[in-house]
Structure formats: C-alpha cells, structure tokens
C-alpha cells in the first residue's frame, strides 16, 4: 500500500475518484503504482479491501484444485 496524500493542490487535468467517481478537489490520494486518484482515504481503503476480496475469491478455485484428488487416483471400497 503506497500512496501520496496531496493537500491544497488540484490536479492540472480534471480527475475523478477511481472508486466513487466524484471530482477530485484540493485534497486527494494518489496511488503510486497505478497513479489512480481517490477523493479521500475512505475510498482508497474501500478500493484496497475490494481488491483483496477479489484475490481471495480468485484464489479459492486454485486452492480446491490443489487439494482435491486427481482423477487418476482411485479409491478402493473393499
């Protein structure tokens, strides 16, 4: 989580919050890696939380595939 907090300066171009779509004003956060702007720390935190949840949901099928037995394994019931 790397970001820059900008106070008292509006961006040169017209920017909107990457999460809620509000116009960026004098104070905003800019994520260093993606250069996305967020109107405040709440939107930035919500964006990070939703990204983590997407990763968790995406990782779940791979975890199941890694733990599930392969079709070549046979189980004897005798």
Protein backbone atom coordinates (compact mmCIF):
# COMPACT_ATOMS: atom_id res chain seq x y z
CA UNK A 1 0.00 0.00 0.00
CA UNK A 2 1.90 3.01 -1.31
CA UNK A 3 0.16 6.31 -1.79
CA UNK A 4 0.75 10.05 -1.78
CA UNK A 5 -1.54 12.39 0.16
CA UNK A 6 -1.94 15.68 -1.67
CA UNK A 7 -3.25 18.72 0.22
CA UNK A 8 -4.04 22.15 -1.17
CA UNK A 9 -3.45 21.34 -4.83
CA UNK A 10 -5.83 20.23 -7.54
CA UNK A 11 -4.51 18.16 -10.45
CA UNK A 12 -3.91 20.03 -13.72
CA UNK A 13 -6.30 17.87 -15.67
CA UNK A 14 -9.80 17.11 -14.45
CA UNK A 15 -9.66 13.84 -12.50
CA UNK A 16 -12.35 11.74 -10.86
CA UNK A 17 -12.17 9.32 -7.94
CA UNK A 18 -11.36 5.83 -9.18
CA UNK A 19 -13.94 4.33 -6.81
CA UNK A 20 -16.92 6.68 -6.41
CA UNK A 21 -16.48 8.94 -9.45
CA UNK A 22 -16.56 12.25 -7.57
CA UNK A 23 -14.50 15.12 -8.94
CA UNK A 24 -11.04 15.43 -7.35
CA UNK A 25 -10.68 18.64 -5.35
CA UNK A 26 -7.84 20.19 -3.35
CA UNK A 27 -7.11 17.14 -1.18
CA UNK A 28 -6.86 13.64 -2.59
CA UNK A 29 -4.83 10.43 -2.55
CA UNK A 30 -2.86 9.13 -5.50
CA UNK A 31 -1.74 5.50 -5.56
CA UNK A 32 1.91 5.33 -6.59
CA UNK A 33 1.80 2.05 -8.53
CA UNK A 34 -1.27 2.75 -10.65
CA UNK A 35 -1.39 6.58 -10.50
CA UNK A 36 -5.12 6.33 -9.72
CA UNK A 37 -6.69 9.18 -7.74
CA UNK A 38 -9.10 8.77 -4.83
CA UNK A 39 -11.15 11.58 -3.30
CA UNK A 40 -10.30 10.55 0.28
CA UNK A 41 -8.82 7.82 2.45
CA UNK A 42 -12.19 6.05 2.78
CA UNK A 43 -12.48 5.43 -0.98
CA UNK A 44 -8.85 4.30 -1.12
CA UNK A 45 -9.37 1.84 1.75
CA UNK A 46 -12.58 0.50 0.15
CA UNK A 47 -10.74 0.01 -3.14
CA UNK A 48 -7.94 -1.92 -1.39
CA UNK A 49 -10.46 -4.03 0.50
CA UNK A 50 -12.36 -4.93 -2.68
CA UNK A 51 -9.10 -5.82 -4.47
CA UNK A 52 -8.13 -8.20 -1.65
CA UNK A 53 -11.56 -9.83 -1.73
CA UNK A 54 -11.26 -10.34 -5.50
CA UNK A 55 -7.91 -12.03 -4.99
CA UNK A 56 -9.31 -14.27 -2.26
CA UNK A 57 -12.28 -15.29 -4.41
CA UNK A 58 -9.99 -15.90 -7.39
CA UNK A 59 -7.59 -17.99 -5.33
CA UNK A 60 -10.28 -20.26 -3.93
CA UNK A 61 -10.73 -22.43 -7.10
CA UNK A 62 -6.96 -22.96 -7.39
CA UNK A 63 -6.78 -23.98 -3.74
CA UNK A 64 -9.56 -26.51 -4.30
CA UNK A 65 -7.77 -27.89 -7.38
CA UNK A 66 -4.54 -28.25 -5.42
CA UNK A 67 -6.21 -30.08 -2.53
CA UNK A 68 -8.67 -32.25 -4.50
CA UNK A 69 -7.52 -35.72 -5.55
CA UNK A 70 -6.59 -36.15 -9.17
CA UNK A 71 -8.83 -38.30 -11.42
CA UNK A 72 -6.03 -40.88 -11.76
CA UNK A 73 -6.22 -41.69 -8.06
CA UNK A 74 -8.69 -44.47 -7.36
CA UNK A 75 -10.22 -45.25 -4.03
CA UNK A 76 -10.99 -48.83 -3.11
CA UNK A 77 -14.16 -49.56 -1.18
CA UNK A 78 -13.36 -53.21 -0.47
